[in-house]
C-alpha atoms as a PDB file:
ATOM      1  CA  MET A   1     -25.070   2.125 -23.747  1.00  0.00           C
ATOM      2  CA  VAL A   2     -23.131   1.541 -20.516  1.00  0.00           C
ATOM      3  CA  VAL A   3     -25.118   0.226 -17.570  1.00  0.00           C
ATOM      4  CA  LYS A   4     -24.351   2.062 -14.337  1.00  0.00           C
ATOM      5  CA  LEU A   5     -23.734  -0.249 -11.377  1.00  0.00           C
ATOM      6  CA  SER A   6     -25.424   0.303  -8.039  1.00  0.00           C
ATOM      7  CA  LYS A   7     -23.388   0.838  -4.859  1.00  0.00           C
ATOM      8  CA  ALA A   8     -24.091  -2.721  -3.724  1.00  0.00           C
ATOM      9  CA  GLU A   9     -22.887  -4.149  -7.054  1.00  0.00           C
ATOM     10  CA  LYS A  10     -19.730  -2.026  -6.880  1.00  0.00           C
ATOM     11  CA  LYS A  11     -19.017  -3.301  -3.356  1.00  0.00           C
ATOM     12  CA  VAL A  12     -19.491  -6.928  -4.441  1.00  0.00           C
ATOM     13  CA  ARG A  13     -17.145  -6.386  -7.383  1.00  0.00           C
ATOM     14  CA  TYR A  14     -14.554  -4.709  -5.100  1.00  0.00           C
ATOM     15  CA  ASP A  15     -14.858  -7.572  -2.587  1.00  0.00           C
ATOM     16  CA  LYS A  16     -14.186 -10.162  -5.320  1.00  0.00           C
ATOM     17  CA  LYS A  17     -11.177  -8.200  -6.546  1.00  0.00           C
ATOM     18  CA  LEU A  18      -9.684  -7.805  -3.052  1.00  0.00           C
ATOM     19  CA  CYS A  19     -10.268 -11.493  -2.215  1.00  0.00           C
ATOM     20  CA  SER A  20      -8.599 -12.598  -5.450  1.00  0.00           C
ATOM     21  CA  LEU A  21      -5.596 -10.375  -4.662  1.00  0.00           C
ATOM     22  CA  LEU A  22      -5.391 -11.775  -1.115  1.00  0.00           C
ATOM     23  CA  ASP A  23      -5.417 -15.297  -2.570  1.00  0.00           C
ATOM     24  CA  GLU A  24      -2.847 -14.565  -5.281  1.00  0.00           C
ATOM     25  CA  TYR A  25      -0.250 -12.461  -3.437  1.00  0.00           C
ATOM     26  CA  GLU A  26       1.491 -13.358  -0.211  1.00  0.00           C
ATOM     27  CA  LYS A  27       3.014  -9.918   0.517  1.00  0.00           C
ATOM     28  CA  VAL A  28       1.194  -6.640   1.128  1.00  0.00           C
ATOM     29  CA  LEU A  29       2.759  -3.214   1.583  1.00  0.00           C
ATOM     30  CA  ILE A  30       0.675  -0.382   3.012  1.00  0.00           C
ATOM     31  CA  ALA A  31       1.609   3.002   1.564  1.00  0.00           C
ATOM     32  CA  GLY A  32       0.420   6.348   2.865  1.00  0.00           C
ATOM     33  CA  ALA A  33      -1.368   8.343   0.184  1.00  0.00           C
ATOM     34  CA  ASP A  34      -1.689  11.758   1.824  1.00  0.00           C
ATOM     35  CA  ASN A  35      -0.763  14.641  -0.496  1.00  0.00           C
ATOM     36  CA  VAL A  36      -0.240  12.310  -3.445  1.00  0.00           C
ATOM     37  CA  GLY A  37      -1.560  13.575  -6.742  1.00  0.00           C
ATOM     38  CA  SER A  38      -3.202  11.573  -9.497  1.00  0.00           C
ATOM     39  CA  ASN A  39      -0.109  11.894 -11.706  1.00  0.00           C
ATOM     40  CA  GLN A  40       2.035  10.493  -8.909  1.00  0.00           C
ATOM     41  CA  LEU A  41      -0.374   7.577  -8.411  1.00  0.00           C
ATOM     42  CA  GLN A  42      -0.299   6.912 -12.134  1.00  0.00           C
ATOM     43  CA  SER A  43       3.512   6.927 -12.110  1.00  0.00           C
ATOM     44  CA  ILE A  44       3.559   4.560  -9.125  1.00  0.00           C
ATOM     45  CA  CYS A  45       1.232   2.133 -10.920  1.00  0.00           C
ATOM     46  CA  ARG A  46       3.403   2.324 -14.023  1.00  0.00           C
ATOM     47  CA  GLY A  47       6.537   1.616 -11.988  1.00  0.00           C
ATOM     48  CA  LEU A  48       4.924  -1.351 -10.232  1.00  0.00           C
ATOM     49  CA  ARG A  49       3.623  -3.077 -13.349  1.00  0.00           C
ATOM     50  CA  GLY A  50       4.551  -6.695 -13.676  1.00  0.00           C
ATOM     51  CA  ASP A  51       4.858  -8.107 -10.187  1.00  0.00           C
ATOM     52  CA  SER A  52       2.773  -5.679  -8.097  1.00  0.00           C
ATOM     53  CA  VAL A  53      -0.754  -4.240  -7.950  1.00  0.00           C
ATOM     54  CA  LEU A  54      -1.888  -1.052  -6.203  1.00  0.00           C
ATOM     55  CA  LEU A  55      -5.368  -1.079  -4.674  1.00  0.00           C
ATOM     56  CA  MET A  56      -7.057   1.961  -3.195  1.00  0.00           C
ATOM     57  CA  GLY A  57     -10.439   2.024  -1.521  1.00  0.00           C
ATOM     58  CA  LYS A  58     -12.495   2.789   1.537  1.00  0.00           C
ATOM     59  CA  ASN A  59     -10.817   1.549   4.717  1.00  0.00           C
ATOM     60  CA  THR A  60     -14.086   0.280   6.192  1.00  0.00           C
ATOM     61  CA  LEU A  61     -14.845  -1.750   3.076  1.00  0.00           C
ATOM     62  CA  ILE A  62     -11.302  -3.140   3.003  1.00  0.00           C
ATOM     63  CA  ARG A  63     -11.560  -4.171   6.677  1.00  0.00           C
ATOM     64  CA  ARG A  64     -14.894  -5.876   6.053  1.00  0.00           C
ATOM     65  CA  CYS A  65     -13.572  -7.744   3.020  1.00  0.00           C
ATOM     66  CA  ILE A  66     -10.454  -8.895   4.893  1.00  0.00           C
ATOM     67  CA  ARG A  67     -12.533 -10.153   7.835  1.00  0.00           C
ATOM     68  CA  PHE A  68     -14.875 -12.132   5.561  1.00  0.00           C
ATOM     69  CA  HIS A  69     -11.919 -13.511   3.606  1.00  0.00           C
ATOM     70  CA  THR A  70     -10.169 -14.717   6.771  1.00  0.00           C
ATOM     71  CA  GLU A  71     -13.377 -16.422   7.923  1.00  0.00           C
ATOM     72  CA  LYS A  72     -13.682 -18.234   4.590  1.00  0.00           C
ATOM     73  CA  THR A  73     -10.046 -19.299   4.318  1.00  0.00           C
ATOM     74  CA  ASP A  74      -9.027 -19.542   8.005  1.00  0.00           C
ATOM     75  CA  ASN A  75      -5.899 -17.535   7.126  1.00  0.00           C
ATOM     76  CA  LYS A  76      -5.502 -15.166  10.089  1.00  0.00           C
ATOM     77  CA  ASP A  77      -2.330 -13.494   8.741  1.00  0.00           C
ATOM     78  CA  PHE A  78      -4.214 -10.716   6.964  1.00  0.00           C
ATOM     79  CA  LEU A  79      -5.906  -9.616  10.200  1.00  0.00           C
ATOM     80  CA  ASN A  80      -2.600  -7.906  11.090  1.00  0.00           C
ATOM     81  CA  LEU A  81      -3.378  -5.332   8.376  1.00  0.00           C
ATOM     82  CA  LEU A  82      -6.548  -4.061  10.048  1.00  0.00           C
ATOM     83  CA  PRO A  83      -4.956  -1.723  12.642  1.00  0.00           C
ATOM     84  CA  LEU A  84      -2.795  -0.182   9.906  1.00  0.00           C
ATOM     85  CA  LEU A  85      -5.722   0.915   7.758  1.00  0.00           C
ATOM     86  CA  VAL A  86      -5.929   4.477   9.050  1.00  0.00           C
ATOM     87  CA  GLY A  87      -6.129   7.579   6.882  1.00  0.00           C
ATOM     88  CA  ASN A  88      -5.448   7.673   3.169  1.00  0.00           C
ATOM     89  CA  VAL A  89      -3.630   4.439   2.431  1.00  0.00           C
ATOM     90  CA  GLY A  90      -3.180   2.126  -0.506  1.00  0.00           C
ATOM     91  CA  LEU A  91      -2.471  -1.580  -0.479  1.00  0.00           C
ATOM     92  CA  ILE A  92       0.343  -2.732  -2.722  1.00  0.00           C
ATOM     93  CA  PHE A  93       0.181  -6.466  -3.380  1.00  0.00           C
ATOM     94  CA  THR A  94       3.460  -7.893  -4.592  1.00  0.00           C
ATOM     95  CA  LYS A  95       5.333 -11.097  -5.274  1.00  0.00           C
ATOM     96  CA  GLY A  96       8.681  -9.294  -5.317  1.00  0.00           C
ATOM     97  CA  ASP A  97      10.907  -7.904  -2.592  1.00  0.00           C
ATOM     98  CA  LEU A  98       9.127  -5.437  -0.288  1.00  0.00           C
ATOM     99  CA  LYS A  99      12.174  -3.178  -0.005  1.00  0.00           C
ATOM    100  CA  GLU A 100      12.466  -2.810  -3.788  1.00  0.00           C
ATOM    101  CA  VAL A 101       8.748  -2.065  -4.114  1.00  0.00           C
ATOM    102  CA  SER A 102       8.817   0.531  -1.335  1.00  0.00           C
ATOM    103  CA  GLU A 103      11.844   2.231  -2.906  1.00  0.00           C
ATOM    104  CA  GLU A 104      10.039   2.331  -6.263  1.00  0.00           C
ATOM    105  CA  VAL A 105       7.052   4.013  -4.593  1.00  0.00           C
ATOM    106  CA  ALA A 106       9.321   6.415  -2.728  1.00  0.00           C
ATOM    107  CA  LYS A 107      11.007   7.491  -5.985  1.00  0.00           C
ATOM    108  CA  VAL A 108       7.711   8.835  -7.231  1.00  0.00           C
ATOM    109  CA  LYS A 109       6.137   9.988  -3.993  1.00  0.00           C
ATOM    110  CA  TYR A 110       9.035  12.062  -2.711  1.00  0.00           C
ATOM    111  CA  SER A 111      11.128  14.524  -4.651  1.00  0.00           C
ATOM    112  CA  LYS A 112      14.783  13.700  -5.304  1.00  0.00           C
ATOM    113  CA  ASP A 113      15.920  16.375  -2.838  1.00  0.00           C
ATOM    114  CA  ILE A 114      13.985  14.811   0.018  1.00  0.00           C
ATOM    115  CA  LEU A 115      15.200  11.324  -0.895  1.00  0.00           C
ATOM    116  CA  SER A 116      18.841  12.406  -0.956  1.00  0.00           C
ATOM    117  CA  TYR A 117      18.388  14.205   2.389  1.00  0.00           C
ATOM    118  CA  LEU A 118      16.826  11.091   3.967  1.00  0.00           C
ATOM    119  CA  GLU A 119      19.554   8.914   2.471  1.00  0.00           C
ATOM    120  CA  ASP A 120      22.249  11.161   3.983  1.00  0.00           C
ATOM    121  CA  LEU A 121      20.555  10.963   7.380  1.00  0.00           C
ATOM    122  CA  TRP A 122      20.229   7.200   7.087  1.00  0.00           C
ATOM    123  CA  LEU A 123      23.864   6.732   6.104  1.00  0.00           C
ATOM    124  CA  ASN A 124      24.965   8.887   9.059  1.00  0.00           C
ATOM    125  CA  ASP A 125      22.845   6.812  11.497  1.00  0.00           C
ATOM    126  CA  GLU A 126      20.718   9.851  12.348  1.00  0.00           C
ATOM    127  CA  CYS A 127      17.440   8.108  11.598  1.00  0.00           C
ATOM    128  CA  GLN A 128      15.824   4.719  11.981  1.00  0.00           C
ATOM    129  CA  TYR A 129      15.074   2.663   8.894  1.00  0.00           C
ATOM    130  CA  ASN A 130      11.925   0.552   9.120  1.00  0.00           C
ATOM    131  CA  GLY A 131      12.385  -1.360   5.868  1.00  0.00           C
ATOM    132  CA  SER A 132      10.959   1.187   3.471  1.00  0.00           C
ATOM    133  CA  MET A 133      11.633   4.733   2.397  1.00  0.00           C
ATOM    134  CA  LEU A 134       8.005   5.454   3.281  1.00  0.00           C
ATOM    135  CA  ASP A 135       8.692   4.608   6.923  1.00  0.00           C
ATOM    136  CA  VAL A 136      11.727   6.693   7.759  1.00  0.00           C
ATOM    137  CA  PHE A 137      11.509   8.377  11.153  1.00  0.00           C
ATOM    138  CA  LEU A 138      14.006  10.954  12.349  1.00  0.00           C
ATOM    139  CA  VAL A 139      15.653  10.274  15.681  1.00  0.00           C
ATOM    140  CA  THR A 140      15.575  13.258  17.997  1.00  0.00           C
ATOM    141  CA  ASP A 141      17.317  13.672  21.316  1.00  0.00           C
ATOM    142  CA  GLN A 142      14.479  13.700  23.849  1.00  0.00           C
END
């Protein structure tokens, strides 16, 4: 018979997992997860296997864990993540190149038509590129 964990036990287990990931990986990519289905998330995890880990969770719990971790380790670098934890987001911990990881996520998250359209805009200098296909913003004349 499987023992069901209480909410407090689940939070402690999540905290340990997040702290171990913060200790192990030096790079974190924040990916928006709005309108992303479970099959897409599964495909993203499959594509990231090997050098990256995707972690989803409650933003408040993630903020709390990061604050406690920075107090324990005196590593203030992860505090820069806190303002970015807004809405449905996932943390992708990686040891590889951030651009390659973000392009792998973008392959799954966006359809090929949208990717080719964004690529055409990017090549024609009609948009700004912020280092990842997830962060492409169109430039408008205003």
